[in-house]
C-alpha atoms as a PDB file:
ATOM      1  CA  MET A   1      -4.074  52.982 -38.509  1.00  0.00           C
ATOM      2  CA  SER A   2      -6.841  55.593 -39.502  1.00  0.00           C
ATOM      3  CA  GLY A   3      -9.361  55.886 -42.242  1.00  0.00           C
ATOM      4  CA  PHE A   4      -9.256  58.234 -45.092  1.00  0.00           C
ATOM      5  CA  THR A   5     -11.253  60.220 -47.903  1.00  0.00           C
ATOM      6  CA  ILE A   6     -11.250  59.663 -51.240  1.00  0.00           C
ATOM      7  CA  THR A   7     -11.640  62.987 -53.087  1.00  0.00           C
ATOM      8  CA  PRO A   8      -9.832  64.610 -56.016  1.00  0.00           C
ATOM      9  CA  ASP A   9      -7.866  67.008 -54.076  1.00  0.00           C
ATOM     10  CA  ASN A  10      -6.237  64.164 -52.057  1.00  0.00           C
ATOM     11  CA  PRO A  11      -3.871  62.462 -54.536  1.00  0.00           C
ATOM     12  CA  TRP A  12      -2.221  58.795 -54.177  1.00  0.00           C
ATOM     13  CA  LEU A  13       0.952  57.016 -54.417  1.00  0.00           C
ATOM     14  CA  ALA A  14       0.490  53.719 -56.574  1.00  0.00           C
ATOM     15  CA  PRO A  15       1.869  50.225 -55.168  1.00  0.00           C
ATOM     16  CA  LEU A  16       5.515  50.352 -57.091  1.00  0.00           C
ATOM     17  CA  ALA A  17       7.347  46.876 -56.512  1.00  0.00           C
ATOM     18  CA  GLY A  18      10.635  47.883 -55.555  1.00  0.00           C
ATOM     19  CA  TYR A  19       9.853  51.558 -54.792  1.00  0.00           C
ATOM     20  CA  SER A  20       7.197  52.582 -52.583  1.00  0.00           C
ATOM     21  CA  ASP A  21       8.830  51.525 -49.317  1.00  0.00           C
ATOM     22  CA  LEU A  22       8.354  53.353 -46.213  1.00  0.00           C
ATOM     23  CA  PRO A  23      10.935  56.030 -46.563  1.00  0.00           C
ATOM     24  CA  PHE A  24       9.605  56.703 -49.872  1.00  0.00           C
ATOM     25  CA  ARG A  25       6.030  56.690 -48.926  1.00  0.00           C
ATOM     26  CA  LEU A  26       7.048  59.136 -46.049  1.00  0.00           C
ATOM     27  CA  LEU A  27       8.894  61.247 -48.707  1.00  0.00           C
ATOM     28  CA  ALA A  28       5.644  61.202 -50.649  1.00  0.00           C
ATOM     29  CA  LYS A  29       3.818  62.211 -47.585  1.00  0.00           C
ATOM     30  CA  ARG A  30       6.041  65.296 -47.177  1.00  0.00           C
ATOM     31  CA  TYR A  31       4.877  66.303 -50.709  1.00  0.00           C
ATOM     32  CA  GLY A  32       1.235  66.222 -50.029  1.00  0.00           C
ATOM     33  CA  CYS A  33       0.443  62.613 -50.952  1.00  0.00           C
ATOM     34  CA  ALA A  34      -2.598  61.684 -49.261  1.00  0.00           C
ATOM     35  CA  VAL A  35      -3.057  57.949 -49.467  1.00  0.00           C
ATOM     36  CA  ARG A  36       0.050  55.650 -50.115  1.00  0.00           C
ATOM     37  CA  CYS A  37       0.028  52.050 -51.151  1.00  0.00           C
ATOM     38  CA  SER A  38       2.902  49.579 -49.964  1.00  0.00           C
ATOM     39  CA  GLU A  39       5.041  47.294 -52.600  1.00  0.00           C
ATOM     40  CA  MET A  40       2.747  44.138 -53.669  1.00  0.00           C
ATOM     41  CA  VAL A  41       3.169  41.620 -50.779  1.00  0.00           C
ATOM     42  CA  SER A  42       2.859  37.732 -51.469  1.00  0.00           C
ATOM     43  CA  ALA A  43       0.046  36.183 -49.723  1.00  0.00           C
ATOM     44  CA  LYS A  44       1.778  32.998 -49.682  1.00  0.00           C
ATOM     45  CA  GLY A  45       4.740  34.256 -48.432  1.00  0.00           C
ATOM     46  CA  MET A  46       2.881  36.096 -45.367  1.00  0.00           C
ATOM     47  CA  ALA A  47       1.650  32.551 -44.890  1.00  0.00           C
ATOM     48  CA  PHE A  48       4.819  30.878 -45.105  1.00  0.00           C
ATOM     49  CA  LYS A  49       6.554  33.707 -42.902  1.00  0.00           C
ATOM     50  CA  ASN A  50       8.862  34.653 -45.799  1.00  0.00           C
ATOM     51  CA  SER A  51      11.606  36.971 -44.193  1.00  0.00           C
ATOM     52  CA  GLY A  52      11.337  39.132 -47.172  1.00  0.00           C
ATOM     53  CA  THR A  53       8.098  40.095 -46.459  1.00  0.00           C
ATOM     54  CA  ARG A  54       8.950  41.951 -43.102  1.00  0.00           C
ATOM     55  CA  ARG A  55      10.372  44.674 -45.095  1.00  0.00           C
ATOM     56  CA  LEU A  56       7.750  45.053 -47.344  1.00  0.00           C
ATOM     57  CA  ILE A  57       4.974  45.390 -44.598  1.00  0.00           C
ATOM     58  CA  ALA A  58       7.143  47.862 -42.494  1.00  0.00           C
ATOM     59  CA  THR A  59       5.295  50.806 -41.424  1.00  0.00           C
ATOM     60  CA  CYS A  60       5.140  53.654 -38.406  1.00  0.00           C
ATOM     61  CA  PRO A  61       2.418  55.859 -37.307  1.00  0.00           C
ATOM     62  CA  GLU A  62       3.478  58.870 -39.418  1.00  0.00           C
ATOM     63  CA  ASP A  63       2.988  56.673 -42.840  1.00  0.00           C
ATOM     64  CA  ASP A  64      -0.617  56.272 -41.742  1.00  0.00           C
ATOM     65  CA  PRO A  65      -3.035  55.990 -44.064  1.00  0.00           C
ATOM     66  CA  MET A  66      -1.403  53.121 -45.839  1.00  0.00           C
ATOM     67  CA  ILE A  67      -2.934  50.504 -47.998  1.00  0.00           C
ATOM     68  CA  LEU A  68      -1.212  47.386 -47.734  1.00  0.00           C
ATOM     69  CA  GLN A  69      -1.543  45.482 -51.276  1.00  0.00           C
ATOM     70  CA  LEU A  70      -1.438  41.978 -51.352  1.00  0.00           C
ATOM     71  CA  PHE A  71      -1.164  39.731 -54.428  1.00  0.00           C
ATOM     72  CA  GLY A  72      -1.681  35.745 -55.155  1.00  0.00           C
ATOM     73  CA  SER A  73      -4.179  33.430 -56.550  1.00  0.00           C
ATOM     74  CA  GLU A  74      -4.760  30.665 -53.992  1.00  0.00           C
ATOM     75  CA  PRO A  75      -7.708  32.015 -51.891  1.00  0.00           C
ATOM     76  CA  GLN A  76      -7.100  29.434 -48.884  1.00  0.00           C
ATOM     77  CA  PHE A  77      -4.008  31.878 -47.944  1.00  0.00           C
ATOM     78  CA  PHE A  78      -5.894  35.184 -47.962  1.00  0.00           C
ATOM     79  CA  GLY A  79      -7.770  34.327 -44.715  1.00  0.00           C
ATOM     80  CA  PRO A  80      -5.529  33.346 -42.391  1.00  0.00           C
ATOM     81  CA  VAL A  81      -3.252  35.902 -43.737  1.00  0.00           C
ATOM     82  CA  MET A  82      -5.842  39.121 -43.506  1.00  0.00           C
ATOM     83  CA  GLU A  83      -6.495  37.747 -39.843  1.00  0.00           C
ATOM     84  CA  LYS A  84      -2.676  37.918 -39.193  1.00  0.00           C
ATOM     85  CA  LEU A  85      -2.768  41.436 -40.437  1.00  0.00           C
ATOM     86  CA  VAL A  86      -5.792  42.645 -38.909  1.00  0.00           C
ATOM     87  CA  SER A  87      -4.530  41.493 -35.346  1.00  0.00           C
ATOM     88  CA  MET A  88      -1.340  43.419 -36.217  1.00  0.00           C
ATOM     89  CA  GLY A  89      -3.426  46.668 -36.723  1.00  0.00           C
ATOM     90  CA  TYR A  90      -3.428  47.021 -40.596  1.00  0.00           C
ATOM     91  CA  ARG A  91      -6.881  48.458 -41.550  1.00  0.00           C
ATOM     92  CA  ASN A  92      -6.799  49.239 -45.166  1.00  0.00           C
ATOM     93  CA  PHE A  93      -5.989  46.707 -47.882  1.00  0.00           C
ATOM     94  CA  ASP A  94      -5.857  46.382 -51.914  1.00  0.00           C
ATOM     95  CA  LEU A  95      -5.912  43.154 -54.143  1.00  0.00           C
ATOM     96  CA  ASN A  96      -3.299  43.261 -56.821  1.00  0.00           C
ATOM     97  CA  ALA A  97      -5.011  42.153 -60.083  1.00  0.00           C
ATOM     98  CA  GLY A  98      -3.148  44.442 -62.195  1.00  0.00           C
ATOM     99  CA  CYS A  99       0.296  43.580 -62.212  1.00  0.00           C
ATOM    100  CA  PRO A 100       1.555  42.406 -65.922  1.00  0.00           C
ATOM    101  CA  VAL A 101       5.178  41.436 -64.883  1.00  0.00           C
ATOM    102  CA  ARG A 102       5.907  37.487 -65.911  1.00  0.00           C
ATOM    103  CA  LYS A 103       7.187  36.761 -62.728  1.00  0.00           C
ATOM    104  CA  VAL A 104       3.897  37.575 -61.085  1.00  0.00           C
ATOM    105  CA  LEU A 105       1.557  35.909 -64.007  1.00  0.00           C
ATOM    106  CA  LYS A 106       3.465  32.723 -63.901  1.00  0.00           C
ATOM    107  CA  SER A 107       2.163  32.214 -60.149  1.00  0.00           C
ATOM    108  CA  GLY A 108      -1.334  33.162 -61.619  1.00  0.00           C
ATOM    109  CA  SER A 109      -1.588  36.543 -59.750  1.00  0.00           C
ATOM    110  CA  GLY A 110      -1.769  40.383 -60.821  1.00  0.00           C
ATOM    111  CA  VAL A 111      -3.455  40.744 -63.880  1.00  0.00           C
ATOM    112  CA  GLN A 112      -3.513  36.876 -64.559  1.00  0.00           C
ATOM    113  CA  LEU A 113      -6.526  36.849 -62.313  1.00  0.00           C
ATOM    114  CA  MET A 114      -8.582  38.617 -64.677  1.00  0.00           C
ATOM    115  CA  GLN A 115      -8.714  35.299 -66.472  1.00  0.00           C
ATOM    116  CA  ASP A 116     -10.921  33.820 -63.677  1.00  0.00           C
ATOM    117  CA  LEU A 117     -13.219  36.285 -62.337  1.00  0.00           C
ATOM    118  CA  ASP A 118     -14.733  33.856 -60.008  1.00  0.00           C
ATOM    119  CA  LYS A 119     -11.465  33.440 -58.229  1.00  0.00           C
ATOM    120  CA  LEU A 120     -10.611  37.231 -58.535  1.00  0.00           C
ATOM    121  CA  VAL A 121     -14.138  37.958 -56.701  1.00  0.00           C
ATOM    122  CA  GLU A 122     -13.736  35.124 -54.202  1.00  0.00           C
ATOM    123  CA  ILE A 123     -10.225  36.776 -52.952  1.00  0.00           C
ATOM    124  CA  ALA A 124     -11.472  39.944 -52.816  1.00  0.00           C
ATOM    125  CA  ALA A 125     -14.685  38.753 -50.761  1.00  0.00           C
ATOM    126  CA  ILE A 126     -12.502  36.970 -48.291  1.00  0.00           C
ATOM    127  CA  MET A 127     -10.371  40.279 -47.573  1.00  0.00           C
ATOM    128  CA  VAL A 128     -13.663  42.377 -47.237  1.00  0.00           C
ATOM    129  CA  GLU A 129     -14.780  39.601 -44.712  1.00  0.00           C
ATOM    130  CA  LYS A 130     -11.591  39.753 -42.916  1.00  0.00           C
ATOM    131  CA  ALA A 131     -10.863  43.290 -42.891  1.00  0.00           C
ATOM    132  CA  ALA A 132     -14.128  43.748 -41.389  1.00  0.00           C
ATOM    133  CA  ALA A 133     -12.977  42.653 -38.026  1.00  0.00           C
ATOM    134  CA  HIS A 134     -10.857  45.523 -37.404  1.00  0.00           C
ATOM    135  CA  PRO A 135     -12.154  47.666 -34.467  1.00  0.00           C
ATOM    136  CA  GLU A 136     -12.448  50.538 -36.607  1.00  0.00           C
ATOM    137  CA  GLY A 137     -13.803  48.782 -39.657  1.00  0.00           C
ATOM    138  CA  GLY A 138     -11.646  47.860 -42.314  1.00  0.00           C
ATOM    139  CA  ARG A 139     -11.578  48.972 -45.990  1.00  0.00           C
ATOM    140  CA  VAL A 140     -10.622  47.193 -49.083  1.00  0.00           C
ATOM    141  CA  GLY A 141      -9.993  48.017 -52.683  1.00  0.00           C
ATOM    142  CA  VAL A 142      -8.983  46.218 -56.172  1.00  0.00           C
ATOM    143  CA  LYS A 143      -6.501  47.301 -58.725  1.00  0.00           C
ATOM    144  CA  PHE A 144      -6.888  45.959 -61.900  1.00  0.00           C
ATOM    145  CA  ARG A 145      -7.008  46.364 -65.817  1.00  0.00           C
ATOM    146  CA  LEU A 146      -9.308  46.296 -68.964  1.00  0.00           C
ATOM    147  CA  GLY A 147      -8.466  42.685 -69.131  1.00  0.00           C
ATOM    148  CA  PHE A 148      -5.897  40.161 -69.672  1.00  0.00           C
ATOM    149  CA  GLU A 149      -5.606  40.677 -73.478  1.00  0.00           C
ATOM    150  CA  LYS A 150      -7.275  43.069 -75.907  1.00  0.00           C
ATOM    151  CA  GLY A 151     -10.590  41.520 -77.004  1.00  0.00           C
ATOM    152  CA  GLU A 152     -11.188  40.377 -73.510  1.00  0.00           C
ATOM    153  CA  GLU A 153     -12.406  43.439 -71.894  1.00  0.00           C
ATOM    154  CA  VAL A 154     -13.837  42.413 -68.753  1.00  0.00           C
ATOM    155  CA  PHE A 155     -13.429  45.334 -66.238  1.00  0.00           C
ATOM    156  CA  LEU A 156     -16.903  46.687 -65.854  1.00  0.00           C
ATOM    157  CA  ASP A 157     -18.451  43.111 -65.106  1.00  0.00           C
ATOM    158  CA  LEU A 158     -15.635  42.587 -62.937  1.00  0.00           C
ATOM    159  CA  ALA A 159     -16.415  45.888 -61.236  1.00  0.00           C
ATOM    160  CA  ARG A 160     -19.936  45.220 -60.623  1.00  0.00           C
ATOM    161  CA  ARG A 161     -19.200  41.878 -58.946  1.00  0.00           C
ATOM    162  CA  LEU A 162     -16.445  43.495 -56.892  1.00  0.00           C
ATOM    163  CA  GLU A 163     -19.312  45.926 -55.853  1.00  0.00           C
ATOM    164  CA  GLY A 164     -21.569  43.204 -55.189  1.00  0.00           C
ATOM    165  CA  ALA A 165     -18.584  42.018 -52.686  1.00  0.00           C
ATOM    166  CA  GLY A 166     -18.493  44.709 -50.559  1.00  0.00           C
ATOM    167  CA  VAL A 167     -15.285  46.383 -51.905  1.00  0.00           C
ATOM    168  CA  ASP A 168     -14.606  50.160 -50.852  1.00  0.00           C
ATOM    169  CA  TRP A 169     -12.886  51.365 -53.838  1.00  0.00           C
ATOM    170  CA  LEU A 170     -11.486  50.594 -57.204  1.00  0.00           C
ATOM    171  CA  THR A 171      -8.276  51.530 -59.276  1.00  0.00           C
ATOM    172  CA  LEU A 172      -8.138  50.983 -62.916  1.00  0.00           C
ATOM    173  CA  HIS A 173      -5.139  51.435 -65.048  1.00  0.00           C
ATOM    174  CA  PRO A 174      -6.776  51.540 -68.537  1.00  0.00           C
ATOM    175  CA  ARG A 175      -4.632  49.013 -70.260  1.00  0.00           C
ATOM    176  CA  TYR A 176      -4.998  45.507 -71.107  1.00  0.00           C
ATOM    177  CA  GLY A 177      -2.564  43.076 -69.228  1.00  0.00           C
ATOM    178  CA  LYS A 178      -0.473  42.123 -72.589  1.00  0.00           C
ATOM    179  CA  GLN A 179       0.101  45.738 -73.019  1.00  0.00           C
ATOM    180  CA  MET A 180       2.232  45.921 -70.360  1.00  0.00           C
ATOM    181  CA  PHE A 181       2.946  49.632 -70.228  1.00  0.00           C
ATOM    182  CA  ALA A 182       3.074  49.889 -73.983  1.00  0.00           C
ATOM    183  CA  GLY A 183       0.747  51.992 -76.002  1.00  0.00           C
ATOM    184  CA  LYS A 184      -1.311  54.839 -74.013  1.00  0.00           C
ATOM    185  CA  ALA A 185      -3.466  54.403 -71.465  1.00  0.00           C
ATOM    186  CA  ASN A 186      -7.245  54.596 -72.445  1.00  0.00           C
ATOM    187  CA  TRP A 187      -8.804  57.216 -70.060  1.00  0.00           C
ATOM    188  CA  GLU A 188     -12.005  56.971 -71.623  1.00  0.00           C
ATOM    189  CA  LYS A 189     -12.383  53.675 -69.875  1.00  0.00           C
ATOM    190  CA  LEU A 190     -12.112  55.419 -66.561  1.00  0.00           C
ATOM    191  CA  ALA A 191     -15.244  57.487 -67.281  1.00  0.00           C
ATOM    192  CA  GLU A 192     -17.089  54.335 -68.408  1.00  0.00           C
ATOM    193  CA  LEU A 193     -16.112  52.878 -64.976  1.00  0.00           C
ATOM    194  CA  LYS A 194     -16.963  55.826 -63.128  1.00  0.00           C
ATOM    195  CA  ARG A 195     -20.819  55.618 -64.822  1.00  0.00           C
ATOM    196  CA  ALA A 196     -20.966  51.726 -64.340  1.00  0.00           C
ATOM    197  CA  VAL A 197     -20.401  51.804 -60.284  1.00  0.00           C
ATOM    198  CA  SER A 198     -21.230  54.009 -57.796  1.00  0.00           C
ATOM    199  CA  LEU A 199     -18.104  53.082 -55.884  1.00  0.00           C
ATOM    200  CA  PRO A 200     -15.177  55.605 -55.653  1.00  0.00           C
ATOM    201  CA  VAL A 201     -13.024  54.911 -58.566  1.00  0.00           C
ATOM    202  CA  ILE A 202      -9.300  55.602 -58.752  1.00  0.00           C
ATOM    203  CA  GLY A 203      -7.719  56.728 -61.957  1.00  0.00           C
ATOM    204  CA  SER A 204      -3.865  55.509 -63.059  1.00  0.00           C
ATOM    205  CA  GLY A 205      -1.884  55.233 -66.201  1.00  0.00           C
ATOM    206  CA  ASP A 206       0.508  57.733 -68.178  1.00  0.00           C
ATOM    207  CA  LEU A 207       0.177  60.350 -65.107  1.00  0.00           C
ATOM    208  CA  TYR A 208       3.600  61.593 -65.596  1.00  0.00           C
ATOM    209  CA  THR A 209       2.918  65.335 -64.593  1.00  0.00           C
ATOM    210  CA  ALA A 210       0.634  67.216 -62.231  1.00  0.00           C
ATOM    211  CA  GLU A 211      -0.940  68.634 -65.178  1.00  0.00           C
ATOM    212  CA  ASP A 212      -1.820  65.141 -66.335  1.00  0.00           C
ATOM    213  CA  GLY A 213      -3.469  64.046 -63.174  1.00  0.00           C
ATOM    214  CA  VAL A 214      -5.689  67.505 -63.386  1.00  0.00           C
ATOM    215  CA  ARG A 215      -6.764  66.610 -66.972  1.00  0.00           C
ATOM    216  CA  CYS A 216      -7.468  63.020 -66.119  1.00  0.00           C
ATOM    217  CA  LEU A 217      -9.924  64.305 -63.189  1.00  0.00           C
ATOM    218  CA  GLU A 218     -11.156  66.717 -65.846  1.00  0.00           C
ATOM    219  CA  GLU A 219     -11.720  64.182 -68.432  1.00  0.00           C
ATOM    220  CA  THR A 220     -13.036  61.010 -66.838  1.00  0.00           C
ATOM    221  CA  GLY A 221     -14.776  62.254 -63.809  1.00  0.00           C
ATOM    222  CA  VAL A 222     -13.286  59.811 -61.397  1.00  0.00           C
ATOM    223  CA  ASP A 223     -13.081  60.622 -57.161  1.00  0.00           C
ATOM    224  CA  ALA A 224      -8.987  60.603 -57.144  1.00  0.00           C
ATOM    225  CA  ILE A 225      -5.827  59.733 -58.902  1.00  0.00           C
ATOM    226  CA  MET A 226      -3.032  57.770 -58.314  1.00  0.00           C
ATOM    227  CA  PHE A 227       0.514  58.657 -59.677  1.00  0.00           C
ATOM    228  CA  ALA A 228       2.865  56.007 -60.288  1.00  0.00           C
ATOM    229  CA  ARG A 229       6.043  56.709 -62.673  1.00  0.00           C
ATOM    230  CA  GLY A 230       5.074  60.209 -62.627  1.00  0.00           C
ATOM    231  CA  ALA A 231       6.372  60.202 -58.569  1.00  0.00           C
ATOM    232  CA  LEU A 232       9.402  58.308 -59.248  1.00  0.00           C
ATOM    233  CA  PHE A 233      11.023  61.132 -61.095  1.00  0.00           C
ATOM    234  CA  ASP A 234       9.496  63.697 -58.967  1.00  0.00           C
ATOM    235  CA  PRO A 235       7.795  62.973 -55.278  1.00  0.00           C
ATOM    236  CA  SER A 236       7.036  66.582 -55.426  1.00  0.00           C
ATOM    237  CA  ILE A 237       4.553  65.840 -57.812  1.00  0.00           C
ATOM    238  CA  PHE A 238       1.491  65.548 -55.481  1.00  0.00           C
ATOM    239  CA  ALA A 239       2.193  69.275 -54.021  1.00  0.00           C
ATOM    240  CA  ARG A 240       2.468  70.425 -57.964  1.00  0.00           C
ATOM    241  CA  PHE A 241      -0.658  68.646 -58.492  1.00  0.00           C
ATOM    242  CA  ILE A 242      -2.577  70.199 -55.183  1.00  0.00           C
ATOM    243  CA  ALA A 243      -0.898  73.674 -56.254  1.00  0.00           C
ATOM    244  CA  LEU A 244      -2.552  73.562 -59.965  1.00  0.00           C
ATOM    245  CA  ARG A 245      -5.925  72.465 -58.419  1.00  0.00           C
ATOM    246  CA  ARG A 246      -5.937  75.713 -56.053  1.00  0.00           C
ATOM    247  CA  GLY A 247      -4.633  77.875 -58.709  1.00  0.00           C
ATOM    248  CA  GLU A 248      -1.393  78.475 -56.966  1.00  0.00           C
ATOM    249  CA  PRO A 249       2.111  78.638 -58.116  1.00  0.00           C
ATOM    250  CA  MET A 250       4.312  76.114 -58.025  1.00  0.00           C
ATOM    251  CA  VAL A 251       7.894  75.965 -56.896  1.00  0.00           C
ATOM    252  CA  PRO A 252      10.448  75.677 -60.144  1.00  0.00           C
ATOM    253  CA  ARG A 253      12.235  72.373 -60.145  1.00  0.00           C
ATOM    254  CA  ASP A 254      15.522  73.507 -60.421  1.00  0.00           C
ATOM    255  CA  GLY A 255      18.699  72.075 -59.003  1.00  0.00           C
ATOM    256  CA  ALA A 256      18.554  73.603 -55.236  1.00  0.00           C
ATOM    257  CA  PHE A 257      14.726  71.970 -55.110  1.00  0.00           C
ATOM    258  CA  LEU A 258      15.763  68.474 -56.335  1.00  0.00           C
ATOM    259  CA  ALA A 259      18.903  68.710 -53.786  1.00  0.00           C
ATOM    260  CA  GLY A 260      16.270  69.022 -51.223  1.00  0.00           C
ATOM    261  CA  ILE A 261      14.210  66.159 -52.415  1.00  0.00           C
ATOM    262  CA  VAL A 262      17.487  63.880 -52.337  1.00  0.00           C
ATOM    263  CA  ARG A 263      18.508  64.900 -48.885  1.00  0.00           C
ATOM    264  CA  GLU A 264      15.107  64.064 -47.303  1.00  0.00           C
ATOM    265  CA  HIS A 265      14.934  60.671 -49.273  1.00  0.00           C
ATOM    266  CA  ILE A 266      18.685  59.860 -47.835  1.00  0.00           C
ATOM    267  CA  ARG A 267      17.595  61.044 -44.431  1.00  0.00           C
ATOM    268  CA  LEU A 268      14.502  58.706 -44.329  1.00  0.00           C
ATOM    269  CA  THR A 269      16.238  56.062 -45.772  1.00  0.00           C
ATOM    270  CA  ARG A 270      18.778  56.243 -43.163  1.00  0.00           C
ATOM    271  CA  GLU A 271      16.467  56.730 -40.320  1.00  0.00           C
ATOM    272  CA  PHE A 272      14.155  53.847 -41.328  1.00  0.00           C
ATOM    273  CA  GLU A 273      16.313  51.398 -42.712  1.00  0.00           C
ATOM    274  CA  GLY A 274      19.837  52.386 -42.759  1.00  0.00           C
ATOM    275  CA  ASP A 275      21.466  48.917 -43.574  1.00  0.00           C
ATOM    276  CA  GLY A 276      23.692  48.223 -46.810  1.00  0.00           C
ATOM    277  CA  ARG A 277      20.830  47.143 -49.015  1.00  0.00           C
ATOM    278  CA  SER A 278      18.703  50.133 -48.549  1.00  0.00           C
ATOM    279  CA  PHE A 279      22.282  52.205 -49.180  1.00  0.00           C
ATOM    280  CA  ARG A 280      22.653  50.665 -52.275  1.00  0.00           C
ATOM    281  CA  LYS A 281      19.070  51.090 -53.185  1.00  0.00           C
ATOM    282  CA  ILE A 282      18.766  54.793 -52.825  1.00  0.00           C
ATOM    283  CA  ARG A 283      22.263  55.271 -54.474  1.00  0.00           C
ATOM    284  CA  SER A 284      20.844  54.026 -57.548  1.00  0.00           C
ATOM    285  CA  ILE A 285      17.645  56.156 -57.231  1.00  0.00           C
ATOM    286  CA  ILE A 286      19.143  59.569 -56.883  1.00  0.00           C
ATOM    287  CA  PRO A 287      20.003  60.333 -60.421  1.00  0.00           C
ATOM    288  CA  ARG A 288      16.400  59.848 -61.408  1.00  0.00           C
ATOM    289  CA  TYR A 289      15.538  62.821 -59.550  1.00  0.00           C
ATOM    290  CA  ALA A 290      18.301  64.933 -61.569  1.00  0.00           C
ATOM    291  CA  LYS A 291      16.385  63.996 -64.722  1.00  0.00           C
ATOM    292  CA  GLY A 292      16.492  67.330 -67.036  1.00  0.00           C
ATOM    293  CA  LEU A 293      19.558  68.716 -65.483  1.00  0.00           C
ATOM    294  CA  LYS A 294      23.256  68.544 -66.944  1.00  0.00           C
ATOM    295  CA  GLY A 295      26.060  66.108 -65.454  1.00  0.00           C
ATOM    296  CA  ILE A 296      23.773  63.153 -64.751  1.00  0.00           C
ATOM    297  CA  ARG A 297      26.660  60.707 -66.073  1.00  0.00           C
ATOM    298  CA  ALA A 298      29.160  62.387 -63.713  1.00  0.00           C
ATOM    299  CA  LEU A 299      26.787  62.381 -61.012  1.00  0.00           C
ATOM    300  CA  ARG A 300      25.968  58.795 -61.443  1.00  0.00           C
ATOM    301  CA  ALA A 301      29.915  58.051 -61.504  1.00  0.00           C
ATOM    302  CA  SER A 302      30.700  59.946 -58.040  1.00  0.00           C
ATOM    303  CA  LEU A 303      27.785  58.205 -56.291  1.00  0.00           C
ATOM    304  CA  LEU A 304      28.936  54.732 -57.267  1.00  0.00           C
ATOM    305  CA  GLN A 305      32.109  55.717 -55.570  1.00  0.00           C
ATOM    306  CA  CYS A 306      30.247  56.370 -52.284  1.00  0.00           C
ATOM    307  CA  THR A 307      30.778  53.684 -49.533  1.00  0.00           C
ATOM    308  CA  ASP A 308      29.001  55.518 -46.457  1.00  0.00           C
ATOM    309  CA  TRP A 309      25.946  57.726 -45.788  1.00  0.00           C
ATOM    310  CA  GLU A 310      27.988  60.826 -45.224  1.00  0.00           C
ATOM    311  CA  ALA A 311      29.709  60.788 -48.767  1.00  0.00           C
ATOM    312  CA  LEU A 312      26.571  59.693 -50.402  1.00  0.00           C
ATOM    313  CA  GLU A 313      25.117  63.307 -48.843  1.00  0.00           C
ATOM    314  CA  ALA A 314      27.955  65.204 -50.221  1.00  0.00           C
ATOM    315  CA  ALA A 315      28.097  63.591 -53.462  1.00  0.00           C
ATOM    316  CA  ALA A 316      24.206  64.158 -54.271  1.00  0.00           C
ATOM    317  CA  SER A 317      24.453  67.727 -52.878  1.00  0.00           C
ATOM    318  CA  VAL A 318      26.256  68.335 -56.121  1.00  0.00           C
ATOM    319  CA  ILE A 319      22.402  68.522 -57.340  1.00  0.00           C
ATOM    320  CA  ALA A 320      22.167  72.125 -56.237  1.00  0.00           C
ATOM    321  CA  GLY A 321      24.538  73.674 -58.722  1.00  0.00           C
ATOM    322  CA  LEU A 322      23.353  71.694 -61.891  1.00  0.00           C
ATOM    323  CA  GLU A 323      21.519  73.327 -64.737  1.00  0.00           C
ATOM    324  CA  PRO A 324      19.099  72.430 -67.375  1.00  0.00           C
ATOM    325  CA  ALA A 325      20.406  69.866 -70.037  1.00  0.00           C
ATOM    326  CA  ASP A 326      19.976  70.170 -73.629  1.00  0.00           C
ATOM    327  CA  PRO A 327      17.453  67.892 -74.732  1.00  0.00           C
ATOM    328  CA  SER A 328      20.425  65.583 -76.422  1.00  0.00           C
ATOM    329  CA  ASP A 329      21.843  65.405 -72.831  1.00  0.00           C
ATOM    330  CA  GLU A 330      21.605  61.854 -71.023  1.00  0.00           C
ATOM    331  CA  GLU A 331      18.675  61.106 -68.722  1.00  0.00           C
ATOM    332  CA  PRO A 332      18.085  58.169 -66.668  1.00  0.00           C
ATOM    333  CA  ALA A 333      15.990  55.444 -68.064  1.00  0.00           C
ATOM    334  CA  VAL A 334      12.791  54.168 -65.977  1.00  0.00           C
ATOM    335  CA  ASP A 335      13.133  50.695 -64.565  1.00  0.00           C
ATOM    336  CA  VAL A 336      10.432  48.074 -65.277  1.00  0.00           C
ATOM    337  CA  ILE A 337       8.323  48.341 -62.367  1.00  0.00           C
ATOM    338  CA  CYS A 338       4.990  46.745 -61.644  1.00  0.00           C
ATOM    339  CA  GLU A 339       2.329  49.249 -60.397  1.00  0.00           C
END
């Protein structure tokens, strides 16, 4: 795995539980995503060789550079797991200290770690030490929030301690853990963090469009931005962001364009996974790409009737002829995700 450069013109894909699998990461790369994060992987699950982790850590040369994100709350598992991953060739890592989903919090992981900064920094330091054993030099980042709950704003203290522990970059989602995704991301805190440390800072939170990404860079001065939910509806958001930065025109997001995205996602899913589970997953995702077009309900119904890849491709091709919807038309809901 190669290194990467953290710059404003190199947008990232967030670690999205249930979504940023290998096919989706490759799709994002097709549209200009410079660095892509894996779904979060349990360090404890890796230690006990949980069969489900194999799919989560799947990669290929075309996926490079990929950031493998780990989560957990027990430091003793991170050393052996990191040694194993480095021996397998993984070079770039991230510690999840920001996920607010209850299932993760119950294990003391995710943003729950922000209530025990000593443990959080200890885990990060272990990851830094073990990553250094990679022949080309491993790199480690940490993704976190402002604090666990409002009134407990610890992100600046944490950032300084992580800098001292040798972490290579920081990613901030400027909400509190208890907020989950409610309210508005406080981008002013991104600017505060950037002023407080010398490490590269990556901004996340409320980046739904390419325009949001450009505005976040301009308002905060962060070194790069990370698209999450914006990429779920439009994987071409990275290309649109780059075009805006360069002052170039953006391709219209019409039915024909979106049909191309769908066909490519189906192809990648079939090539790199191709099993029943991945078939059902991509079948449920396709209507999201048709957001803003007429006929989503009918499209969803037709997709549910598909039982093989050929039928799925035929049903999805209908998107090319869909027209923009009225504001009152149905749109697919955003699933609760952990980013």
